Amino acid sequence: MAYNEMLADRVRFILADQPGITERKMFGGLVFMLHGNMCCGIVGDELMVRVGPNQYNFALGQPHAREMHFTGRPMKGMVMVAVPGLETDRDLAEWVQRGVQFTTTLPAK
C-alpha cells in the first residue's frame, strides 16, 4: 500500500525542528521515529499515532480516531486518525505532538 506523500510532507514540516527524527518504511507506509522509537506514521491517507497507554482512551474519544489493528487485534497505545481529522494544519500538528509527547518518555534505542 502506498502512503500519501502530501501528508508525509506536512508531517515532515511539523517535525522539522524536532531533534532525533528519522523515517522508515514499514506497515506498508512511512513511519517517523524519534530516537529510534516509533512516534507516528502514515498508512494510506491516514495518520497512525503512538499515544501510549495513559492517553489511549482519551485519544480514541477524539473525532475521527479509532483503534489501530493490523492483525485483527487492537494495538493498545496506537490510534489511527482518518482524513477528516487531519484536514487543518492545527489538527495534524496536535496529533503529531501527541505522538512526540509519548515517545519522548521512552528510552532511546
PDB file of N, CA and C in Angstrom:
ATOM      1  N   MET A   1       0.843  -1.178   0.000  1.00  0.00           N
ATOM      2  CA  MET A   1       0.000   0.000   0.000  1.00  0.00           C
ATOM      3  C   MET A   1       0.889   1.242   0.000  1.00  0.00           C
ATOM      4  N   ALA A   2       0.579   2.156  -0.863  1.00  0.00           N
ATOM      5  CA  ALA A   2       1.322   3.407  -0.923  1.00  0.00           C
ATOM      6  C   ALA A   2       0.816   4.339   0.176  1.00  0.00           C
ATOM      7  N   TYR A   3       1.623   5.322   0.508  1.00  0.00           N
ATOM      8  CA  TYR A   3       1.212   6.304   1.517  1.00  0.00           C
ATOM      9  C   TYR A   3       1.105   7.677   0.865  1.00  0.00           C
ATOM     10  N   ASN A   4       0.332   8.536   1.474  1.00  0.00           N
ATOM     11  CA  ASN A   4       0.063   9.870   0.961  1.00  0.00           C
ATOM     12  C   ASN A   4       1.298  10.753   1.141  1.00  0.00           C
ATOM     13  N   GLU A   5       1.956  11.088   0.032  1.00  0.00           N
ATOM     14  CA  GLU A   5       3.184  11.899   0.080  1.00  0.00           C
ATOM     15  C   GLU A   5       2.910  13.319   0.571  1.00  0.00           C
ATOM     16  N   MET A   6       1.756  13.874   0.236  1.00  0.00           N
ATOM     17  CA  MET A   6       1.447  15.233   0.713  1.00  0.00           C
ATOM     18  C   MET A   6       1.290  15.246   2.226  1.00  0.00           C
ATOM     19  N   LEU A   7       0.666  14.211   2.776  1.00  0.00           N
ATOM     20  CA  LEU A   7       0.555  14.110   4.229  1.00  0.00           C
ATOM     21  C   LEU A   7       1.936  13.924   4.847  1.00  0.00           C
ATOM     22  N   ALA A   8       2.769  13.124   4.208  1.00  0.00           N
ATOM     23  CA  ALA A   8       4.139  12.921   4.702  1.00  0.00           C
ATOM     24  C   ALA A   8       4.898  14.250   4.753  1.00  0.00           C
ATOM     25  N   ASP A   9       4.751  15.062   3.727  1.00  0.00           N
ATOM     26  CA  ASP A   9       5.422  16.365   3.711  1.00  0.00           C
ATOM     27  C   ASP A   9       4.901  17.275   4.817  1.00  0.00           C
ATOM     28  N   ARG A  10       3.613  17.217   5.083  1.00  0.00           N
ATOM     29  CA  ARG A  10       3.037  18.024   6.163  1.00  0.00           C
ATOM     30  C   ARG A  10       3.586  17.581   7.519  1.00  0.00           C
ATOM     31  N   VAL A  11       3.722  16.275   7.720  1.00  0.00           N
ATOM     32  CA  VAL A  11       4.277  15.758   8.978  1.00  0.00           C
ATOM     33  C   VAL A  11       5.749  16.144   9.078  1.00  0.00           C
ATOM     34  N   ARG A  12       6.482  16.022   7.983  1.00  0.00           N
ATOM     35  CA  ARG A  12       7.901  16.428   7.986  1.00  0.00           C
ATOM     36  C   ARG A  12       8.057  17.883   8.411  1.00  0.00           C
ATOM     37  N   PHE A  13       7.190  18.746   7.909  1.00  0.00           N
ATOM     38  CA  PHE A  13       7.245  20.164   8.259  1.00  0.00           C
ATOM     39  C   PHE A  13       7.026  20.352   9.762  1.00  0.00           C
ATOM     40  N   ILE A  14       6.051  19.640  10.312  1.00  0.00           N
ATOM     41  CA  ILE A  14       5.758  19.746  11.745  1.00  0.00           C
ATOM     42  C   ILE A  14       6.941  19.258  12.581  1.00  0.00           C
ATOM     43  N   LEU A  15       7.605  18.206  12.118  1.00  0.00           N
ATOM     44  CA  LEU A  15       8.710  17.603  12.879  1.00  0.00           C
ATOM     45  C   LEU A  15      10.083  18.185  12.531  1.00  0.00           C
ATOM     46  N   ALA A  16      10.131  19.180  11.662  1.00  0.00           N
ATOM     47  CA  ALA A  16      11.404  19.709  11.162  1.00  0.00           C
ATOM     48  C   ALA A  16      12.351  20.165  12.267  1.00  0.00           C
ATOM     49  N   ASP A  17      11.847  20.736  13.327  1.00  0.00           N
ATOM     50  CA  ASP A  17      12.701  21.255  14.408  1.00  0.00           C
ATOM     51  C   ASP A  17      12.879  20.265  15.557  1.00  0.00           C
ATOM     52  N   GLN A  18      12.326  19.069  15.406  1.00  0.00           N
ATOM     53  CA  GLN A  18      12.405  18.053  16.463  1.00  0.00           C
ATOM     54  C   GLN A  18      13.684  17.225  16.269  1.00  0.00           C
ATOM     55  N   PRO A  19      14.657  17.333  17.185  1.00  0.00           N
ATOM     56  CA  PRO A  19      15.875  16.526  17.036  1.00  0.00           C
ATOM     57  C   PRO A  19      15.583  15.036  17.201  1.00  0.00           C
ATOM     58  N   GLY A  20      16.333  14.216  16.500  1.00  0.00           N
ATOM     59  CA  GLY A  20      16.237  12.770  16.667  1.00  0.00           C
ATOM     60  C   GLY A  20      15.211  12.083  15.791  1.00  0.00           C
ATOM     61  N   ILE A  21      14.644  12.783  14.803  1.00  0.00           N
ATOM     62  CA  ILE A  21      13.635  12.193  13.922  1.00  0.00           C
ATOM     63  C   ILE A  21      14.301  11.510  12.733  1.00  0.00           C
ATOM     64  N   THR A  22      13.878  10.293  12.478  1.00  0.00           N
ATOM     65  CA  THR A  22      14.265   9.571  11.271  1.00  0.00           C
ATOM     66  C   THR A  22      13.001   8.985  10.653  1.00  0.00           C
ATOM     67  N   GLU A  23      13.108   8.574   9.406  1.00  0.00           N
ATOM     68  CA  GLU A  23      11.974   7.973   8.705  1.00  0.00           C
ATOM     69  C   GLU A  23      12.322   6.543   8.331  1.00  0.00           C
ATOM     70  N   ARG A  24      11.280   5.727   8.294  1.00  0.00           N
ATOM     71  CA  ARG A  24      11.474   4.323   7.936  1.00  0.00           C
ATOM     72  C   ARG A  24      10.197   3.810   7.276  1.00  0.00           C
ATOM     73  N   LYS A  25      10.344   3.096   6.196  1.00  0.00           N
ATOM     74  CA  LYS A  25       9.179   2.499   5.554  1.00  0.00           C
ATOM     75  C   LYS A  25       8.842   1.204   6.270  1.00  0.00           C
ATOM     76  N   MET A  26       7.595   1.119   6.739  1.00  0.00           N
ATOM     77  CA  MET A  26       7.100  -0.099   7.381  1.00  0.00           C
ATOM     78  C   MET A  26       5.578  -0.064   7.413  1.00  0.00           C
ATOM     79  N   PHE A  27       4.957  -1.191   7.706  1.00  0.00           N
ATOM     80  CA  PHE A  27       3.495  -1.322   7.724  1.00  0.00           C
ATOM     81  C   PHE A  27       2.883  -0.941   6.377  1.00  0.00           C
ATOM     82  N   GLY A  28       3.661  -0.999   5.300  1.00  0.00           N
ATOM     83  CA  GLY A  28       3.158  -0.587   4.000  1.00  0.00           C
ATOM     84  C   GLY A  28       3.041   0.912   3.883  1.00  0.00           C
ATOM     85  N   GLY A  29       3.657   1.635   4.789  1.00  0.00           N
ATOM     86  CA  GLY A  29       3.589   3.092   4.788  1.00  0.00           C
ATOM     87  C   GLY A  29       4.913   3.690   5.219  1.00  0.00           C
ATOM     88  N   LEU A  30       4.853   4.826   5.843  1.00  0.00           N
ATOM     89  CA  LEU A  30       6.036   5.546   6.301  1.00  0.00           C
ATOM     90  C   LEU A  30       5.885   5.832   7.785  1.00  0.00           C
ATOM     91  N   VAL A  31       6.936   5.539   8.551  1.00  0.00           N
ATOM     92  CA  VAL A  31       6.919   5.758   9.991  1.00  0.00           C
ATOM     93  C   VAL A  31       7.986   6.789  10.351  1.00  0.00           C
ATOM     94  N   PHE A  32       7.643   7.661  11.285  1.00  0.00           N
ATOM     95  CA  PHE A  32       8.586   8.643  11.813  1.00  0.00           C
ATOM     96  C   PHE A  32       9.037   8.140  13.175  1.00  0.00           C
ATOM     97  N   MET A  33      10.343   8.015  13.327  1.00  0.00           N
ATOM     98  CA  MET A  33      10.939   7.502  14.554  1.00  0.00           C
ATOM     99  C   MET A  33      11.582   8.668  15.305  1.00  0.00           C
ATOM    100  N   LEU A  34      11.444   8.648  16.621  1.00  0.00           N
ATOM    101  CA  LEU A  34      12.068   9.650  17.484  1.00  0.00           C
ATOM    102  C   LEU A  34      13.048   8.912  18.378  1.00  0.00           C
ATOM    103  N   HIS A  35      14.331   9.159  18.159  1.00  0.00           N
ATOM    104  CA  HIS A  35      15.404   8.465  18.883  1.00  0.00           C
ATOM    105  C   HIS A  35      15.223   6.949  18.818  1.00  0.00           C
ATOM    106  N   GLY A  36      14.787   6.468  17.641  1.00  0.00           N
ATOM    107  CA  GLY A  36      14.665   5.034  17.412  1.00  0.00           C
ATOM    108  C   GLY A  36      13.342   4.415  17.803  1.00  0.00           C
ATOM    109  N   ASN A  37      12.428   5.193  18.374  1.00  0.00           N
ATOM    110  CA  ASN A  37      11.104   4.705  18.768  1.00  0.00           C
ATOM    111  C   ASN A  37      10.040   5.264  17.828  1.00  0.00           C
ATOM    112  N   MET A  38       9.095   4.415  17.434  1.00  0.00           N
ATOM    113  CA  MET A  38       8.029   4.860  16.559  1.00  0.00           C
ATOM    114  C   MET A  38       7.191   5.931  17.252  1.00  0.00           C
ATOM    115  N   CYS A  39       6.983   7.030  16.549  1.00  0.00           N
ATOM    116  CA  CYS A  39       6.230   8.174  17.067  1.00  0.00           C
ATOM    117  C   CYS A  39       4.881   8.288  16.357  1.00  0.00           C
ATOM    118  N   CYS A  40       4.944   8.317  15.038  1.00  0.00           N
ATOM    119  CA  CYS A  40       3.738   8.418  14.221  1.00  0.00           C
ATOM    120  C   CYS A  40       4.078   7.919  12.827  1.00  0.00           C
ATOM    121  N   GLY A  41       3.087   7.798  12.003  1.00  0.00           N
ATOM    122  CA  GLY A  41       3.340   7.327  10.654  1.00  0.00           C
ATOM    123  C   GLY A  41       2.130   7.522   9.768  1.00  0.00           C
ATOM    124  N   ILE A  42       2.307   7.158   8.527  1.00  0.00           N
ATOM    125  CA  ILE A  42       1.253   7.309   7.538  1.00  0.00           C
ATOM    126  C   ILE A  42       1.015   5.963   6.883  1.00  0.00           C
ATOM    127  N   VAL A  43      -0.225   5.556   6.896  1.00  0.00           N
ATOM    128  CA  VAL A  43      -0.644   4.329   6.227  1.00  0.00           C
ATOM    129  C   VAL A  43      -1.770   4.735   5.286  1.00  0.00           C
ATOM    130  N   GLY A  44      -1.524   4.661   4.005  1.00  0.00           N
ATOM    131  CA  GLY A  44      -2.501   5.147   3.035  1.00  0.00           C
ATOM    132  C   GLY A  44      -2.652   6.641   3.186  1.00  0.00           C
ATOM    133  N   ASP A  45      -3.865   7.099   3.456  1.00  0.00           N
ATOM    134  CA  ASP A  45      -4.137   8.520   3.654  1.00  0.00           C
ATOM    135  C   ASP A  45      -4.344   8.878   5.118  1.00  0.00           C
ATOM    136  N   GLU A  46      -4.088   7.932   6.010  1.00  0.00           N
ATOM    137  CA  GLU A  46      -4.376   8.143   7.422  1.00  0.00           C
ATOM    138  C   GLU A  46      -3.097   8.264   8.250  1.00  0.00           C
ATOM    139  N   LEU A  47      -3.251   8.892   9.405  1.00  0.00           N
ATOM    140  CA  LEU A  47      -2.135   9.058  10.331  1.00  0.00           C
ATOM    141  C   LEU A  47      -2.238   8.028  11.442  1.00  0.00           C
ATOM    142  N   MET A  48      -1.129   7.384  11.710  1.00  0.00           N
ATOM    143  CA  MET A  48      -1.007   6.435  12.813  1.00  0.00           C
ATOM    144  C   MET A  48      -0.228   7.181  13.903  1.00  0.00           C
ATOM    145  N   VAL A  49      -0.729   7.154  15.135  1.00  0.00           N
ATOM    146  CA  VAL A  49      -0.083   7.901  16.215  1.00  0.00           C
ATOM    147  C   VAL A  49       0.103   6.999  17.429  1.00  0.00           C
ATOM    148  N   ARG A  50       1.307   7.038  17.977  1.00  0.00           N
ATOM    149  CA  ARG A  50       1.604   6.299  19.206  1.00  0.00           C
ATOM    150  C   ARG A  50       1.346   7.232  20.378  1.00  0.00           C
ATOM    151  N   VAL A  51       0.202   7.049  21.014  1.00  0.00           N
ATOM    152  CA  VAL A  51      -0.190   7.939  22.107  1.00  0.00           C
ATOM    153  C   VAL A  51       0.133   7.362  23.481  1.00  0.00           C
ATOM    154  N   GLY A  52       0.435   6.081  23.540  1.00  0.00           N
ATOM    155  CA  GLY A  52       0.758   5.432  24.806  1.00  0.00           C
ATOM    156  C   GLY A  52      -0.485   4.976  25.555  1.00  0.00           C
ATOM    157  N   PRO A  53      -0.284   4.140  26.561  1.00  0.00           N
ATOM    158  CA  PRO A  53      -1.426   3.563  27.284  1.00  0.00           C
ATOM    159  C   PRO A  53      -2.224   4.573  28.102  1.00  0.00           C
ATOM    160  N   ASN A  54      -1.586   5.581  28.656  1.00  0.00           N
ATOM    161  CA  ASN A  54      -2.296   6.539  29.512  1.00  0.00           C
ATOM    162  C   ASN A  54      -3.218   7.469  28.735  1.00  0.00           C
ATOM    163  N   GLN A  55      -2.877   7.772  27.497  1.00  0.00           N
ATOM    164  CA  GLN A  55      -3.678   8.681  26.676  1.00  0.00           C
ATOM    165  C   GLN A  55      -4.538   7.952  25.644  1.00  0.00           C
ATOM    166  N   TYR A  56      -4.481   6.627  25.660  1.00  0.00           N
ATOM    167  CA  TYR A  56      -5.162   5.813  24.649  1.00  0.00           C
ATOM    168  C   TYR A  56      -6.675   6.054  24.623  1.00  0.00           C
ATOM    169  N   ASN A  57      -7.341   5.939  25.747  1.00  0.00           N
ATOM    170  CA  ASN A  57      -8.794   6.123  25.785  1.00  0.00           C
ATOM    171  C   ASN A  57      -9.192   7.555  25.432  1.00  0.00           C
ATOM    172  N   PHE A  58      -8.422   8.522  25.903  1.00  0.00           N
ATOM    173  CA  PHE A  58      -8.691   9.914  25.551  1.00  0.00           C
ATOM    174  C   PHE A  58      -8.587  10.101  24.042  1.00  0.00           C
ATOM    175  N   ALA A  59      -7.523   9.574  23.449  1.00  0.00           N
ATOM    176  CA  ALA A  59      -7.315   9.707  22.004  1.00  0.00           C
ATOM    177  C   ALA A  59      -8.450   9.062  21.221  1.00  0.00           C
ATOM    178  N   LEU A  60      -8.892   7.898  21.675  1.00  0.00           N
ATOM    179  CA  LEU A  60      -9.991   7.217  20.984  1.00  0.00           C
ATOM    180  C   LEU A  60     -11.292   8.002  21.060  1.00  0.00           C
ATOM    181  N   GLY A  61     -11.416   8.858  22.046  1.00  0.00           N
ATOM    182  CA  GLY A  61     -12.602   9.682  22.185  1.00  0.00           C
ATOM    183  C   GLY A  61     -12.605  10.919  21.301  1.00  0.00           C
ATOM    184  N   GLN A  62     -11.491  11.155  20.605  1.00  0.00           N
ATOM    185  CA  GLN A  62     -11.398  12.324  19.736  1.00  0.00           C
ATOM    186  C   GLN A  62     -12.039  12.028  18.384  1.00  0.00           C
ATOM    187  N   PRO A  63     -12.573  13.067  17.736  1.00  0.00           N
ATOM    188  CA  PRO A  63     -13.195  12.847  16.428  1.00  0.00           C
ATOM    189  C   PRO A  63     -12.225  12.228  15.422  1.00  0.00           C
ATOM    190  N   HIS A  64     -12.716  11.281  14.672  1.00  0.00           N
ATOM    191  CA  HIS A  64     -12.016  10.642  13.556  1.00  0.00           C
ATOM    192  C   HIS A  64     -10.895   9.693  13.984  1.00  0.00           C
ATOM    193  N   ALA A  65     -10.795   9.378  15.258  1.00  0.00           N
ATOM    194  CA  ALA A  65      -9.772   8.436  15.747  1.00  0.00           C
ATOM    195  C   ALA A  65     -10.413   7.074  15.980  1.00  0.00           C
ATOM    196  N   ARG A  66      -9.618   6.037  15.760  1.00  0.00           N
ATOM    197  CA  ARG A  66     -10.094   4.674  16.003  1.00  0.00           C
ATOM    198  C   ARG A  66      -8.909   3.806  16.389  1.00  0.00           C
ATOM    199  N   GLU A  67      -9.221   2.619  16.871  1.00  0.00           N
ATOM    200  CA  GLU A  67      -8.167   1.668  17.236  1.00  0.00           C
ATOM    201  C   GLU A  67      -7.325   1.318  16.012  1.00  0.00           C
ATOM    202  N   MET A  68      -6.065   1.105  16.252  1.00  0.00           N
ATOM    203  CA  MET A  68      -5.186   0.635  15.192  1.00  0.00           C
ATOM    204  C   MET A  68      -5.044  -0.870  15.338  1.00  0.00           C
ATOM    205  N   HIS A  69      -5.241  -1.585  14.259  1.00  0.00           N
ATOM    206  CA  HIS A  69      -5.023  -3.026  14.287  1.00  0.00           C
ATOM    207  C   HIS A  69      -4.656  -3.505  12.889  1.00  0.00           C
ATOM    208  N   PHE A  70      -3.538  -4.187  12.824  1.00  0.00           N
ATOM    209  CA  PHE A  70      -3.098  -4.785  11.569  1.00  0.00           C
ATOM    210  C   PHE A  70      -3.333  -6.286  11.590  1.00  0.00           C
ATOM    211  N   THR A  71      -3.395  -6.841  12.766  1.00  0.00           N
ATOM    212  CA  THR A  71      -3.504  -8.297  12.890  1.00  0.00           C
ATOM    213  C   THR A  71      -4.901  -8.733  13.292  1.00  0.00           C
ATOM    214  N   GLY A  72      -5.845  -7.806  13.312  1.00  0.00           N
ATOM    215  CA  GLY A  72      -7.190  -8.123  13.756  1.00  0.00           C
ATOM    216  C   GLY A  72      -7.401  -7.852  15.232  1.00  0.00           C
ATOM    217  N   ARG A  73      -6.322  -7.554  15.946  1.00  0.00           N
ATOM    218  CA  ARG A  73      -6.395  -7.205  17.364  1.00  0.00           C
ATOM    219  C   ARG A  73      -5.908  -5.778  17.533  1.00  0.00           C
ATOM    220  N   PRO A  74      -6.591  -4.997  18.371  1.00  0.00           N
ATOM    221  CA  PRO A  74      -6.148  -3.607  18.575  1.00  0.00           C
ATOM    222  C   PRO A  74      -4.766  -3.558  19.212  1.00  0.00           C
ATOM    223  N   MET A  75      -3.980  -2.589  18.780  1.00  0.00           N
ATOM    224  CA  MET A  75      -2.660  -2.354  19.366  1.00  0.00           C
ATOM    225  C   MET A  75      -2.833  -1.230  20.384  1.00  0.00           C
ATOM    226  N   LYS A  76      -2.878  -1.594  21.658  1.00  0.00           N
ATOM    227  CA  LYS A  76      -3.071  -0.602  22.735  1.00  0.00           C
ATOM    228  C   LYS A  76      -1.983   0.469  22.658  1.00  0.00           C
ATOM    229  N   GLY A  77      -2.416   1.694  22.789  1.00  0.00           N
ATOM    230  CA  GLY A  77      -1.474   2.810  22.758  1.00  0.00           C
ATOM    231  C   GLY A  77      -1.255   3.379  21.369  1.00  0.00           C
ATOM    232  N   MET A  78      -1.873   2.773  20.354  1.00  0.00           N
ATOM    233  CA  MET A  78      -1.731   3.238  18.968  1.00  0.00           C
ATOM    234  C   MET A  78      -3.121   3.532  18.416  1.00  0.00           C
ATOM    235  N   VAL A  79      -3.268   4.657  17.741  1.00  0.00           N
ATOM    236  CA  VAL A  79      -4.540   5.003  17.119  1.00  0.00           C
ATOM    237  C   VAL A  79      -4.333   5.399  15.665  1.00  0.00           C
ATOM    238  N   MET A  80      -5.386   5.265  14.900  1.00  0.00           N
ATOM    239  CA  MET A  80      -5.413   5.735  13.519  1.00  0.00           C
ATOM    240  C   MET A  80      -6.336   6.951  13.475  1.00  0.00           C
ATOM    241  N   VAL A  81      -5.941   7.947  12.706  1.00  0.00           N
ATOM    242  CA  VAL A  81      -6.746   9.148  12.542  1.00  0.00           C
ATOM    243  C   VAL A  81      -7.124   9.251  11.069  1.00  0.00           C
ATOM    244  N   ALA A  82      -8.430   9.286  10.794  1.00  0.00           N
ATOM    245  CA  ALA A  82      -8.937   9.348   9.429  1.00  0.00           C
ATOM    246  C   ALA A  82      -8.736  10.740   8.830  1.00  0.00           C
ATOM    247  N   VAL A  83      -8.825  10.805   7.518  1.00  0.00           N
ATOM    248  CA  VAL A  83      -8.572  12.026   6.756  1.00  0.00           C
ATOM    249  C   VAL A  83      -9.308  13.255   7.299  1.00  0.00           C
ATOM    250  N   PRO A  84     -10.583  13.179   7.640  1.00  0.00           N
ATOM    251  CA  PRO A  84     -11.255  14.397   8.129  1.00  0.00           C
ATOM    252  C   PRO A  84     -10.620  14.984   9.396  1.00  0.00           C
ATOM    253  N   GLY A  85      -9.937  14.169  10.174  1.00  0.00           N
ATOM    254  CA  GLY A  85      -9.281  14.641  11.387  1.00  0.00           C
ATOM    255  C   GLY A  85      -7.923  15.269  11.138  1.00  0.00           C
ATOM    256  N   LEU A  86      -7.505  15.309   9.858  1.00  0.00           N
ATOM    257  CA  LEU A  86      -6.181  15.811   9.505  1.00  0.00           C
ATOM    258  C   LEU A  86      -6.239  16.983   8.540  1.00  0.00           C
ATOM    259  N   GLU A  87      -7.424  17.492   8.305  1.00  0.00           N
ATOM    260  CA  GLU A  87      -7.591  18.498   7.260  1.00  0.00           C
ATOM    261  C   GLU A  87      -6.863  19.799   7.561  1.00  0.00           C
ATOM    262  N   THR A  88      -6.909  20.264   8.801  1.00  0.00           N
ATOM    263  CA  THR A  88      -6.216  21.524   9.103  1.00  0.00           C
ATOM    264  C   THR A  88      -4.809  21.221   9.632  1.00  0.00           C
ATOM    265  N   ASP A  89      -3.925  22.166   9.411  1.00  0.00           N
ATOM    266  CA  ASP A  89      -2.554  22.005   9.915  1.00  0.00           C
ATOM    267  C   ASP A  89      -2.548  21.923  11.436  1.00  0.00           C
ATOM    268  N   ARG A  90      -3.446  22.641  12.057  1.00  0.00           N
ATOM    269  CA  ARG A  90      -3.531  22.627  13.526  1.00  0.00           C
ATOM    270  C   ARG A  90      -3.919  21.234  14.025  1.00  0.00           C
ATOM    271  N   ASP A  91      -4.947  20.632  13.409  1.00  0.00           N
ATOM    272  CA  ASP A  91      -5.372  19.293  13.818  1.00  0.00           C
ATOM    273  C   ASP A  91      -4.243  18.283  13.633  1.00  0.00           C
ATOM    274  N   LEU A  92      -3.588  18.345  12.496  1.00  0.00           N
ATOM    275  CA  LEU A  92      -2.486  17.418  12.236  1.00  0.00           C
ATOM    276  C   LEU A  92      -1.369  17.623  13.257  1.00  0.00           C
ATOM    277  N   ALA A  93      -1.015  18.865  13.513  1.00  0.00           N
ATOM    278  CA  ALA A  93       0.054  19.156  14.475  1.00  0.00           C
ATOM    279  C   ALA A  93      -0.285  18.649  15.872  1.00  0.00           C
ATOM    280  N   GLU A  94      -1.541  18.773  16.278  1.00  0.00           N
ATOM    281  CA  GLU A  94      -1.939  18.273  17.601  1.00  0.00           C
ATOM    282  C   GLU A  94      -1.749  16.765  17.690  1.00  0.00           C
ATOM    283  N   TRP A  95      -2.127  16.048  16.636  1.00  0.00           N
ATOM    284  CA  TRP A  95      -1.942  14.588  16.650  1.00  0.00           C
ATOM    285  C   TRP A  95      -0.470  14.218  16.653  1.00  0.00           C
ATOM    286  N   VAL A  96       0.318  14.880  15.827  1.00  0.00           N
ATOM    287  CA  VAL A  96       1.751  14.572  15.777  1.00  0.00           C
ATOM    288  C   VAL A  96       2.387  14.852  17.135  1.00  0.00           C
ATOM    289  N   GLN A  97       2.008  15.951  17.765  1.00  0.00           N
ATOM    290  CA  GLN A  97       2.571  16.288  19.076  1.00  0.00           C
ATOM    291  C   GLN A  97       2.186  15.279  20.144  1.00  0.00           C
ATOM    292  N   ARG A  98       1.011  14.684  20.038  1.00  0.00           N
ATOM    293  CA  ARG A  98       0.647  13.613  20.972  1.00  0.00           C
ATOM    294  C   ARG A  98       1.640  12.460  20.852  1.00  0.00           C
ATOM    295  N   GLY A  99       2.002  12.130  19.634  1.00  0.00           N
ATOM    296  CA  GLY A  99       2.989  11.078  19.424  1.00  0.00           C
ATOM    297  C   GLY A  99       4.357  11.456  19.965  1.00  0.00           C
ATOM    298  N   VAL A 100       4.763  12.683  19.739  1.00  0.00           N
ATOM    299  CA  VAL A 100       6.063  13.163  20.239  1.00  0.00           C
ATOM    300  C   VAL A 100       6.063  13.144  21.767  1.00  0.00           C
ATOM    301  N   GLN A 101       4.986  13.626  22.372  1.00  0.00           N
ATOM    302  CA  GLN A 101       4.931  13.678  23.840  1.00  0.00           C
ATOM    303  C   GLN A 101       5.119  12.294  24.455  1.00  0.00           C
ATOM    304  N   PHE A 102       4.430  11.301  23.906  1.00  0.00           N
ATOM    305  CA  PHE A 102       4.591   9.968  24.483  1.00  0.00           C
ATOM    306  C   PHE A 102       5.975   9.405  24.185  1.00  0.00           C
ATOM    307  N   THR A 103       6.421   9.532  22.972  1.00  0.00           N
ATOM    308  CA  THR A 103       7.680   8.903  22.559  1.00  0.00           C
ATOM    309  C   THR A 103       8.882   9.483  23.314  1.00  0.00           C
ATOM    310  N   THR A 104       8.808  10.739  23.720  1.00  0.00           N
ATOM    311  CA  THR A 104       9.927  11.324  24.480  1.00  0.00           C
ATOM    312  C   THR A 104      10.058  10.703  25.869  1.00  0.00           C
ATOM    313  N   THR A 105       9.035   9.976  26.326  1.00  0.00           N
ATOM    314  CA  THR A 105       9.129   9.317  27.638  1.00  0.00           C
ATOM    315  C   THR A 105       9.846   7.975  27.558  1.00  0.00           C
ATOM    316  N   LEU A 106      10.133   7.514  26.349  1.00  0.00           N
ATOM    317  CA  LEU A 106      10.772   6.210  26.167  1.00  0.00           C
ATOM    318  C   LEU A 106      12.288   6.356  26.078  1.00  0.00           C
ATOM    319  N   PRO A 107      13.013   5.335  26.519  1.00  0.00           N
ATOM    320  CA  PRO A 107      14.466   5.397  26.354  1.00  0.00           C
ATOM    321  C   PRO A 107      14.850   5.295  24.889  1.00  0.00           C
ATOM    322  N   ALA A 108      15.887   5.998  24.497  1.00  0.00           N
ATOM    323  CA  ALA A 108      16.360   5.948  23.105  1.00  0.00           C
ATOM    324  C   ALA A 108      16.853   4.552  22.783  1.00  0.00           C
ATOM    325  N   LYS A 109      16.676   4.177  21.535  1.00  0.00           N
ATOM    326  CA  LYS A 109      17.155   2.867  21.074  1.00  0.00           C
ATOM    327  C   LYS A 109      18.424   3.038  20.290  1.00  0.00           C
TER     328      LYS A 109
END
